């Protein structure tokens, strides 16, 4: 957000409905200290609206799109109808995650004896949001602490809180790797090739399984498919390069269909 005190036009915001009138609904913006906004009846839903309360009610949590911000008048116009169901779900998920992250940073600050605002500022400077740092801490560990520039005490507390509270979704991709060598020491070449396939990437696990010569299975577990598939290609390429460089071997990777989330 460009201004933490005010939303930007077209931004999606989480709101609490405060008061519903015949032709307008008044809401408070949860992410902006309860700033007030209004939704005219024309922005409540598409089509003709007979009773506004059929679509919105007091106490309801909703996601709106910011239409106009007038800082001089303290006026924020919002639209409910311009937010589709997918946008609503994603925004609510993001908002809940940020709320949890803010609470966790409070725990970290208390344990480290530091200001929660200082820790938040350090995280926001690098990430823009609070929750993603906790996901990265689970997959990448202490490297994240160095990137943020926190003290050791705050960093250790942040890492502990992340590991206790965040379970990052994991996916698996599998490929069958065929390696052959016609050299007299071909077995040694193959062993060296398989060893080179055990690459190290933060947040990624690579496992080599023996299926029966000349076929071996590479199983990669990672936070998302893009990272997993990239690691699979890298592991296979490393192994194939060893057998081909030996001058008497060839290698080939055959990918298997995506196996879905492992947890």
C-alpha atoms as a PDB file:
ATOM      1  CA  UNK A   1       0.000   0.000   0.000  1.00  0.00           C
ATOM      2  CA  UNK A   2       1.360   3.433  -0.907  1.00  0.00           C
ATOM      3  CA  UNK A   3      -0.256   5.092   2.131  1.00  0.00           C
ATOM      4  CA  UNK A   4      -0.852   2.894   5.157  1.00  0.00           C
ATOM      5  CA  UNK A   5      -3.505   5.323   6.444  1.00  0.00           C
ATOM      6  CA  UNK A   6      -5.599   5.378   3.283  1.00  0.00           C
ATOM      7  CA  UNK A   7      -6.573   2.736   0.708  1.00  0.00           C
ATOM      8  CA  UNK A   8      -5.834   3.228  -2.977  1.00  0.00           C
ATOM      9  CA  UNK A   9      -8.437   3.367  -5.736  1.00  0.00           C
ATOM     10  CA  UNK A  10      -9.255  -0.114  -7.134  1.00  0.00           C
ATOM     11  CA  UNK A  11      -7.813  -1.783  -4.019  1.00  0.00           C
ATOM     12  CA  UNK A  12      -9.798  -4.607  -2.418  1.00  0.00           C
ATOM     13  CA  UNK A  13     -10.499  -4.005   1.269  1.00  0.00           C
ATOM     14  CA  UNK A  14     -12.083  -5.997   4.090  1.00  0.00           C
ATOM     15  CA  UNK A  15     -14.961  -4.133   5.726  1.00  0.00           C
ATOM     16  CA  UNK A  16     -17.381  -4.541   8.598  1.00  0.00           C
ATOM     17  CA  UNK A  17     -20.914  -3.361   7.888  1.00  0.00           C
ATOM     18  CA  UNK A  18     -21.868  -0.780  10.536  1.00  0.00           C
ATOM     19  CA  UNK A  19     -25.178   0.703   9.400  1.00  0.00           C
ATOM     20  CA  UNK A  20     -27.560  -0.097   6.566  1.00  0.00           C
ATOM     21  CA  UNK A  21     -29.999   2.554   5.340  1.00  0.00           C
ATOM     22  CA  UNK A  22     -32.566   2.384   2.529  1.00  0.00           C
ATOM     23  CA  UNK A  23     -30.170   3.589  -0.164  1.00  0.00           C
ATOM     24  CA  UNK A  24     -26.680   3.309   1.324  1.00  0.00           C
ATOM     25  CA  UNK A  25     -24.578   1.119   3.605  1.00  0.00           C
ATOM     26  CA  UNK A  26     -21.893   2.490   5.929  1.00  0.00           C
ATOM     27  CA  UNK A  27     -18.901   0.310   6.698  1.00  0.00           C
ATOM     28  CA  UNK A  28     -15.590   0.468   8.575  1.00  0.00           C
ATOM     29  CA  UNK A  29     -12.380  -0.593   6.828  1.00  0.00           C
ATOM     30  CA  UNK A  30     -10.725  -3.226   9.020  1.00  0.00           C
ATOM     31  CA  UNK A  31      -7.229  -2.757   7.568  1.00  0.00           C
ATOM     32  CA  UNK A  32      -7.267   1.022   7.933  1.00  0.00           C
ATOM     33  CA  UNK A  33      -7.966   1.576  11.599  1.00  0.00           C
ATOM     34  CA  UNK A  34     -11.733   1.487  11.124  1.00  0.00           C
ATOM     35  CA  UNK A  35     -11.904   4.364   8.628  1.00  0.00           C
ATOM     36  CA  UNK A  36     -15.450   4.861   7.417  1.00  0.00           C
ATOM     37  CA  UNK A  37     -16.616   4.159   3.897  1.00  0.00           C
ATOM     38  CA  UNK A  38     -19.962   4.053   2.147  1.00  0.00           C
ATOM     39  CA  UNK A  39     -21.553   1.842  -0.466  1.00  0.00           C
ATOM     40  CA  UNK A  40     -24.413   3.403  -2.450  1.00  0.00           C
ATOM     41  CA  UNK A  41     -27.282   1.079  -3.289  1.00  0.00           C
ATOM     42  CA  UNK A  42     -26.232   1.082  -6.957  1.00  0.00           C
ATOM     43  CA  UNK A  43     -22.929  -0.580  -5.902  1.00  0.00           C
ATOM     44  CA  UNK A  44     -24.459  -3.205  -3.623  1.00  0.00           C
ATOM     45  CA  UNK A  45     -25.442  -5.721  -6.314  1.00  0.00           C
ATOM     46  CA  UNK A  46     -26.103  -5.931 -10.040  1.00  0.00           C
ATOM     47  CA  UNK A  47     -29.656  -5.418 -11.243  1.00  0.00           C
ATOM     48  CA  UNK A  48     -32.598  -3.828  -9.491  1.00  0.00           C
ATOM     49  CA  UNK A  49     -32.577  -3.986  -5.688  1.00  0.00           C
ATOM     50  CA  UNK A  50     -35.925  -4.015  -3.909  1.00  0.00           C
ATOM     51  CA  UNK A  51     -34.639  -4.385  -0.345  1.00  0.00           C
ATOM     52  CA  UNK A  52     -31.025  -3.482   0.394  1.00  0.00           C
ATOM     53  CA  UNK A  53     -31.050  -5.748   3.465  1.00  0.00           C
ATOM     54  CA  UNK A  54     -31.556  -8.746   1.212  1.00  0.00           C
ATOM     55  CA  UNK A  55     -27.935  -8.208   0.141  1.00  0.00           C
ATOM     56  CA  UNK A  56     -26.131  -6.684   3.107  1.00  0.00           C
ATOM     57  CA  UNK A  57     -26.619  -6.537   6.875  1.00  0.00           C
ATOM     58  CA  UNK A  58     -25.039  -5.030   9.991  1.00  0.00           C
ATOM     59  CA  UNK A  59     -22.096  -6.919  11.459  1.00  0.00           C
ATOM     60  CA  UNK A  60     -21.289  -8.674   8.194  1.00  0.00           C
ATOM     61  CA  UNK A  61     -17.687  -9.012   6.975  1.00  0.00           C
ATOM     62  CA  UNK A  62     -17.486  -8.106   3.305  1.00  0.00           C
ATOM     63  CA  UNK A  63     -14.863  -7.361   0.674  1.00  0.00           C
ATOM     64  CA  UNK A  64     -15.267  -4.164  -1.342  1.00  0.00           C
ATOM     65  CA  UNK A  65     -13.459  -2.441  -4.170  1.00  0.00           C
ATOM     66  CA  UNK A  66     -12.369   1.153  -3.547  1.00  0.00           C
ATOM     67  CA  UNK A  67     -13.962   3.472  -6.112  1.00  0.00           C
ATOM     68  CA  UNK A  68     -12.851   6.867  -4.854  1.00  0.00           C
ATOM     69  CA  UNK A  69     -10.814   8.326  -1.998  1.00  0.00           C
ATOM     70  CA  UNK A  70     -11.189  11.971  -0.960  1.00  0.00           C
ATOM     71  CA  UNK A  71      -8.695  12.564   1.841  1.00  0.00           C
ATOM     72  CA  UNK A  72      -9.665  16.204   2.343  1.00  0.00           C
ATOM     73  CA  UNK A  73     -13.260  15.239   3.108  1.00  0.00           C
ATOM     74  CA  UNK A  74     -12.373  11.917   4.717  1.00  0.00           C
ATOM     75  CA  UNK A  75     -14.629  10.237   2.160  1.00  0.00           C
ATOM     76  CA  UNK A  76     -14.248   6.702   0.748  1.00  0.00           C
ATOM     77  CA  UNK A  77     -16.660   5.328  -1.877  1.00  0.00           C
ATOM     78  CA  UNK A  78     -16.842   1.554  -2.210  1.00  0.00           C
ATOM     79  CA  UNK A  79     -18.398  -1.104  -4.407  1.00  0.00           C
ATOM     80  CA  UNK A  80     -19.570  -4.523  -3.268  1.00  0.00           C
ATOM     81  CA  UNK A  81     -20.870  -5.703  -6.640  1.00  0.00           C
ATOM     82  CA  UNK A  82     -17.486  -5.274  -8.371  1.00  0.00           C
ATOM     83  CA  UNK A  83     -15.889  -8.045  -6.280  1.00  0.00           C
ATOM     84  CA  UNK A  84     -16.343 -11.599  -7.553  1.00  0.00           C
ATOM     85  CA  UNK A  85     -16.377 -14.702  -5.365  1.00  0.00           C
ATOM     86  CA  UNK A  86     -12.785 -15.696  -6.134  1.00  0.00           C
ATOM     87  CA  UNK A  87     -11.517 -12.213  -5.258  1.00  0.00           C
ATOM     88  CA  UNK A  88     -13.551 -12.239  -2.059  1.00  0.00           C
ATOM     89  CA  UNK A  89     -12.158 -15.597  -0.917  1.00  0.00           C
ATOM     90  CA  UNK A  90      -8.563 -14.641  -1.702  1.00  0.00           C
ATOM     91  CA  UNK A  91      -8.834 -11.281   0.038  1.00  0.00           C
ATOM     92  CA  UNK A  92     -10.402 -12.791   3.159  1.00  0.00           C
ATOM     93  CA  UNK A  93      -7.654 -15.438   3.230  1.00  0.00           C
ATOM     94  CA  UNK A  94      -4.959 -12.764   2.887  1.00  0.00           C
ATOM     95  CA  UNK A  95      -6.578 -10.619   5.590  1.00  0.00           C
ATOM     96  CA  UNK A  96      -6.843 -13.521   8.043  1.00  0.00           C
ATOM     97  CA  UNK A  97      -3.216 -14.483   7.407  1.00  0.00           C
ATOM     98  CA  UNK A  98      -2.045 -10.907   7.971  1.00  0.00           C
ATOM     99  CA  UNK A  99      -4.060 -10.699  11.194  1.00  0.00           C
ATOM    100  CA  UNK A 100      -2.435 -13.913  12.459  1.00  0.00           C
ATOM    101  CA  UNK A 101       1.022 -12.717  11.441  1.00  0.00           C
ATOM    102  CA  UNK A 102       0.549  -9.433  13.315  1.00  0.00           C
ATOM    103  CA  UNK A 103      -0.371 -11.363  16.465  1.00  0.00           C
ATOM    104  CA  UNK A 104       2.637 -13.680  16.059  1.00  0.00           C
ATOM    105  CA  UNK A 105       4.983 -10.706  15.728  1.00  0.00           C
ATOM    106  CA  UNK A 106       3.583  -9.487  19.049  1.00  0.00           C
ATOM    107  CA  UNK A 107       4.714 -12.788  20.603  1.00  0.00           C
ATOM    108  CA  UNK A 108       8.127 -12.433  18.953  1.00  0.00           C
ATOM    109  CA  UNK A 109       8.554  -8.870  20.207  1.00  0.00           C
ATOM    110  CA  UNK A 110       7.680  -9.891  23.769  1.00  0.00           C
ATOM    111  CA  UNK A 111      10.125 -12.823  23.706  1.00  0.00           C
ATOM    112  CA  UNK A 112      12.911 -10.687  22.248  1.00  0.00           C
ATOM    113  CA  UNK A 113      12.210  -7.628  24.364  1.00  0.00           C
ATOM    114  CA  UNK A 114      11.876  -5.469  21.278  1.00  0.00           C
ATOM    115  CA  UNK A 115       9.244  -3.216  19.736  1.00  0.00           C
ATOM    116  CA  UNK A 116       6.649  -5.034  17.585  1.00  0.00           C
ATOM    117  CA  UNK A 117       6.508  -1.958  15.334  1.00  0.00           C
ATOM    118  CA  UNK A 118      10.247  -2.203  14.649  1.00  0.00           C
ATOM    119  CA  UNK A 119       9.974  -5.883  13.711  1.00  0.00           C
ATOM    120  CA  UNK A 120       6.927  -5.209  11.524  1.00  0.00           C
ATOM    121  CA  UNK A 121       8.740  -2.379   9.747  1.00  0.00           C
ATOM    122  CA  UNK A 122      11.740  -4.619   9.034  1.00  0.00           C
ATOM    123  CA  UNK A 123       9.507  -7.349   7.590  1.00  0.00           C
ATOM    124  CA  UNK A 124       7.347  -4.966   5.556  1.00  0.00           C
ATOM    125  CA  UNK A 125      10.429  -3.294   4.101  1.00  0.00           C
ATOM    126  CA  UNK A 126      11.510  -6.589   2.516  1.00  0.00           C
ATOM    127  CA  UNK A 127       8.173  -8.324   1.919  1.00  0.00           C
ATOM    128  CA  UNK A 128       5.415  -5.721   1.735  1.00  0.00           C
ATOM    129  CA  UNK A 129       3.225  -8.041   3.828  1.00  0.00           C
ATOM    130  CA  UNK A 130       3.745  -9.842   7.151  1.00  0.00           C
ATOM    131  CA  UNK A 131       2.548 -13.414   6.568  1.00  0.00           C
ATOM    132  CA  UNK A 132       4.880 -14.430   3.683  1.00  0.00           C
ATOM    133  CA  UNK A 133       7.951 -14.103   5.911  1.00  0.00           C
ATOM    134  CA  UNK A 134       6.600 -16.872   8.156  1.00  0.00           C
ATOM    135  CA  UNK A 135       6.153 -19.170   5.141  1.00  0.00           C
ATOM    136  CA  UNK A 136       9.698 -18.447   3.973  1.00  0.00           C
ATOM    137  CA  UNK A 137      11.063 -19.061   7.460  1.00  0.00           C
ATOM    138  CA  UNK A 138       9.614 -22.578   7.421  1.00  0.00           C
ATOM    139  CA  UNK A 139      11.146 -23.427   4.034  1.00  0.00           C
ATOM    140  CA  UNK A 140      14.368 -21.394   4.078  1.00  0.00           C
ATOM    141  CA  UNK A 141      15.187 -20.987   7.770  1.00  0.00           C
ATOM    142  CA  UNK A 142      17.879 -18.625   9.030  1.00  0.00           C
ATOM    143  CA  UNK A 143      18.685 -17.209   5.581  1.00  0.00           C
ATOM    144  CA  UNK A 144      15.446 -15.227   5.870  1.00  0.00           C
ATOM    145  CA  UNK A 145      16.526 -13.706   9.187  1.00  0.00           C
ATOM    146  CA  UNK A 146      19.727 -12.403   7.593  1.00  0.00           C
ATOM    147  CA  UNK A 147      17.762 -10.942   4.699  1.00  0.00           C
ATOM    148  CA  UNK A 148      15.469  -9.018   7.027  1.00  0.00           C
ATOM    149  CA  UNK A 149      18.304  -7.845   9.264  1.00  0.00           C
ATOM    150  CA  UNK A 150      16.798  -8.681  12.655  1.00  0.00           C
ATOM    151  CA  UNK A 151      18.747  -9.225  15.868  1.00  0.00           C
ATOM    152  CA  UNK A 152      19.625 -12.818  16.742  1.00  0.00           C
ATOM    153  CA  UNK A 153      17.147 -12.862  19.628  1.00  0.00           C
ATOM    154  CA  UNK A 154      14.279 -11.571  17.494  1.00  0.00           C
ATOM    155  CA  UNK A 155      15.282 -13.816  14.597  1.00  0.00           C
ATOM    156  CA  UNK A 156      15.358 -16.947  16.763  1.00  0.00           C
ATOM    157  CA  UNK A 157      11.945 -16.103  18.238  1.00  0.00           C
ATOM    158  CA  UNK A 158      10.514 -15.404  14.765  1.00  0.00           C
ATOM    159  CA  UNK A 159      11.819 -18.724  13.457  1.00  0.00           C
ATOM    160  CA  UNK A 160      10.378 -20.627  16.420  1.00  0.00           C
ATOM    161  CA  UNK A 161       6.948 -19.007  16.050  1.00  0.00           C
ATOM    162  CA  UNK A 162       6.940 -19.768  12.312  1.00  0.00           C
ATOM    163  CA  UNK A 163       7.775 -23.442  12.832  1.00  0.00           C
ATOM    164  CA  UNK A 164       5.140 -23.788  15.531  1.00  0.00           C
ATOM    165  CA  UNK A 165       2.309 -22.153  13.594  1.00  0.00           C
ATOM    166  CA  UNK A 166       2.818 -22.394   9.830  1.00  0.00           C
ATOM    167  CA  UNK A 167       2.388 -25.486   7.734  1.00  0.00           C
ATOM    168  CA  UNK A 168       3.400 -24.664   4.182  1.00  0.00           C
ATOM    169  CA  UNK A 169       1.549 -26.691   1.515  1.00  0.00           C
ATOM    170  CA  UNK A 170       3.833 -29.145  -0.283  1.00  0.00           C
ATOM    171  CA  UNK A 171       3.536 -30.766  -3.700  1.00  0.00           C
ATOM    172  CA  UNK A 172       5.326 -33.703  -5.296  1.00  0.00           C
ATOM    173  CA  UNK A 173       6.569 -34.247  -8.815  1.00  0.00           C
ATOM    174  CA  UNK A 174       8.115 -37.485 -10.015  1.00  0.00           C
ATOM    175  CA  UNK A 175      10.253 -38.412 -12.968  1.00  0.00           C
ATOM    176  CA  UNK A 176      11.832 -41.673 -14.119  1.00  0.00           C
ATOM    177  CA  UNK A 177      15.467 -41.240 -15.066  1.00  0.00           C
ATOM    178  CA  UNK A 178      17.138 -43.731 -17.400  1.00  0.00           C
ATOM    179  CA  UNK A 179      20.942 -43.844 -17.203  1.00  0.00           C
ATOM    180  CA  UNK A 180      23.169 -46.209 -19.183  1.00  0.00           C
ATOM    181  CA  UNK A 181      26.931 -46.500 -19.586  1.00  0.00           C
ATOM    182  CA  UNK A 182      28.966 -48.856 -21.809  1.00  0.00           C
ATOM    183  CA  UNK A 183      32.255 -48.072 -20.104  1.00  0.00           C
ATOM    184  CA  UNK A 184      34.109 -50.754 -18.093  1.00  0.00           C
ATOM    185  CA  UNK A 185      33.601 -48.659 -14.956  1.00  0.00           C
ATOM    186  CA  UNK A 186      30.005 -47.859 -15.914  1.00  0.00           C
ATOM    187  CA  UNK A 187      28.660 -48.663 -12.435  1.00  0.00           C
ATOM    188  CA  UNK A 188      30.960 -46.056 -10.916  1.00  0.00           C
ATOM    189  CA  UNK A 189      29.846 -43.507 -13.510  1.00  0.00           C
ATOM    190  CA  UNK A 190      26.174 -44.178 -12.742  1.00  0.00           C
ATOM    191  CA  UNK A 191      26.759 -43.859  -8.987  1.00  0.00           C
ATOM    192  CA  UNK A 192      28.510 -40.543  -9.540  1.00  0.00           C
ATOM    193  CA  UNK A 193      25.648 -39.365 -11.751  1.00  0.00           C
ATOM    194  CA  UNK A 194      23.024 -40.255  -9.143  1.00  0.00           C
ATOM    195  CA  UNK A 195      25.041 -38.498  -6.454  1.00  0.00           C
ATOM    196  CA  UNK A 196      25.133 -35.332  -8.560  1.00  0.00           C
ATOM    197  CA  UNK A 197      21.332 -35.466  -8.844  1.00  0.00           C
ATOM    198  CA  UNK A 198      20.986 -34.947  -5.087  1.00  0.00           C
ATOM    199  CA  UNK A 199      20.908 -31.190  -5.492  1.00  0.00           C
ATOM    200  CA  UNK A 200      20.433 -28.759  -2.615  1.00  0.00           C
ATOM    201  CA  UNK A 201      17.742 -26.085  -2.979  1.00  0.00           C
ATOM    202  CA  UNK A 202      16.195 -24.233  -0.042  1.00  0.00           C
ATOM    203  CA  UNK A 203      12.709 -25.552   0.716  1.00  0.00           C
ATOM    204  CA  UNK A 204      13.054 -28.465  -1.710  1.00  0.00           C
ATOM    205  CA  UNK A 205      13.604 -32.164  -1.000  1.00  0.00           C
ATOM    206  CA  UNK A 206      15.082 -34.429  -3.677  1.00  0.00           C
ATOM    207  CA  UNK A 207      14.948 -38.212  -3.261  1.00  0.00           C
ATOM    208  CA  UNK A 208      16.518 -40.760  -5.624  1.00  0.00           C
ATOM    209  CA  UNK A 209      14.919 -44.214  -5.699  1.00  0.00           C
ATOM    210  CA  UNK A 210      16.216 -47.363  -7.435  1.00  0.00           C
ATOM    211  CA  UNK A 211      13.604 -49.012  -9.667  1.00  0.00           C
ATOM    212  CA  UNK A 212      15.875 -51.470 -11.423  1.00  0.00           C
ATOM    213  CA  UNK A 213      18.775 -50.715 -13.765  1.00  0.00           C
ATOM    214  CA  UNK A 214      18.831 -48.651 -15.887  1.00  0.00           C
ATOM    215  CA  UNK A 215      15.832 -46.797 -14.403  1.00  0.00           C
ATOM    216  CA  UNK A 216      15.836 -44.590 -11.308  1.00  0.00           C
ATOM    217  CA  UNK A 217      13.099 -42.429  -9.850  1.00  0.00           C
ATOM    218  CA  UNK A 218      13.552 -38.809  -8.830  1.00  0.00           C
ATOM    219  CA  UNK A 219      10.943 -37.578  -6.347  1.00  0.00           C
ATOM    220  CA  UNK A 220      10.889 -33.855  -5.619  1.00  0.00           C
ATOM    221  CA  UNK A 221       8.865 -32.245  -2.823  1.00  0.00           C
ATOM    222  CA  UNK A 222       8.530 -28.454  -2.864  1.00  0.00           C
ATOM    223  CA  UNK A 223       6.163 -25.596  -1.896  1.00  0.00           C
ATOM    224  CA  UNK A 224       4.741 -25.285  -5.436  1.00  0.00           C
ATOM    225  CA  UNK A 225       4.786 -27.033  -8.819  1.00  0.00           C
ATOM    226  CA  UNK A 226       6.932 -24.431 -10.551  1.00  0.00           C
ATOM    227  CA  UNK A 227       9.736 -24.828  -8.018  1.00  0.00           C
ATOM    228  CA  UNK A 228       9.334 -28.616  -7.925  1.00  0.00           C
ATOM    229  CA  UNK A 229       9.482 -29.043 -11.691  1.00  0.00           C
ATOM    230  CA  UNK A 230      12.476 -26.731 -11.969  1.00  0.00           C
ATOM    231  CA  UNK A 231      14.288 -28.802  -9.324  1.00  0.00           C
ATOM    232  CA  UNK A 232      13.357 -32.052 -11.100  1.00  0.00           C
ATOM    233  CA  UNK A 233      14.826 -30.781 -14.366  1.00  0.00           C
ATOM    234  CA  UNK A 234      17.963 -29.560 -12.617  1.00  0.00           C
ATOM    235  CA  UNK A 235      18.502 -32.877 -10.796  1.00  0.00           C
ATOM    236  CA  UNK A 236      17.997 -34.930 -13.955  1.00  0.00           C
ATOM    237  CA  UNK A 237      20.220 -32.637 -16.030  1.00  0.00           C
ATOM    238  CA  UNK A 238      23.022 -32.950 -13.467  1.00  0.00           C
ATOM    239  CA  UNK A 239      22.902 -36.753 -13.634  1.00  0.00           C
ATOM    240  CA  UNK A 240      22.627 -36.905 -17.419  1.00  0.00           C
ATOM    241  CA  UNK A 241      25.558 -34.511 -17.786  1.00  0.00           C
ATOM    242  CA  UNK A 242      27.808 -36.870 -15.796  1.00  0.00           C
ATOM    243  CA  UNK A 243      27.078 -39.967 -17.900  1.00  0.00           C
ATOM    244  CA  UNK A 244      27.292 -38.084 -21.197  1.00  0.00           C
ATOM    245  CA  UNK A 245      30.524 -36.367 -20.204  1.00  0.00           C
ATOM    246  CA  UNK A 246      32.050 -39.771 -19.453  1.00  0.00           C
ATOM    247  CA  UNK A 247      31.870 -40.495 -23.172  1.00  0.00           C
ATOM    248  CA  UNK A 248      30.127 -43.819 -22.947  1.00  0.00           C
ATOM    249  CA  UNK A 249      26.661 -43.147 -21.604  1.00  0.00           C
ATOM    250  CA  UNK A 250      23.261 -41.564 -22.225  1.00  0.00           C
ATOM    251  CA  UNK A 251      20.424 -40.431 -20.042  1.00  0.00           C
ATOM    252  CA  UNK A 252      16.749 -39.527 -20.367  1.00  0.00           C
ATOM    253  CA  UNK A 253      14.064 -38.131 -18.064  1.00  0.00           C
ATOM    254  CA  UNK A 254      10.396 -39.090 -18.354  1.00  0.00           C
ATOM    255  CA  UNK A 255       8.082 -37.005 -16.181  1.00  0.00           C
ATOM    256  CA  UNK A 256       5.103 -38.556 -14.441  1.00  0.00           C
ATOM    257  CA  UNK A 257       1.721 -36.836 -14.034  1.00  0.00           C
ATOM    258  CA  UNK A 258       1.510 -34.410 -11.106  1.00  0.00           C
ATOM    259  CA  UNK A 259       0.766 -36.266  -7.899  1.00  0.00           C
ATOM    260  CA  UNK A 260      -0.857 -33.374  -6.011  1.00  0.00           C
ATOM    261  CA  UNK A 261      -0.211 -32.036  -2.539  1.00  0.00           C
ATOM    262  CA  UNK A 262       1.659 -34.292  -0.190  1.00  0.00           C
ATOM    263  CA  UNK A 263       0.411 -32.425   2.877  1.00  0.00           C
END
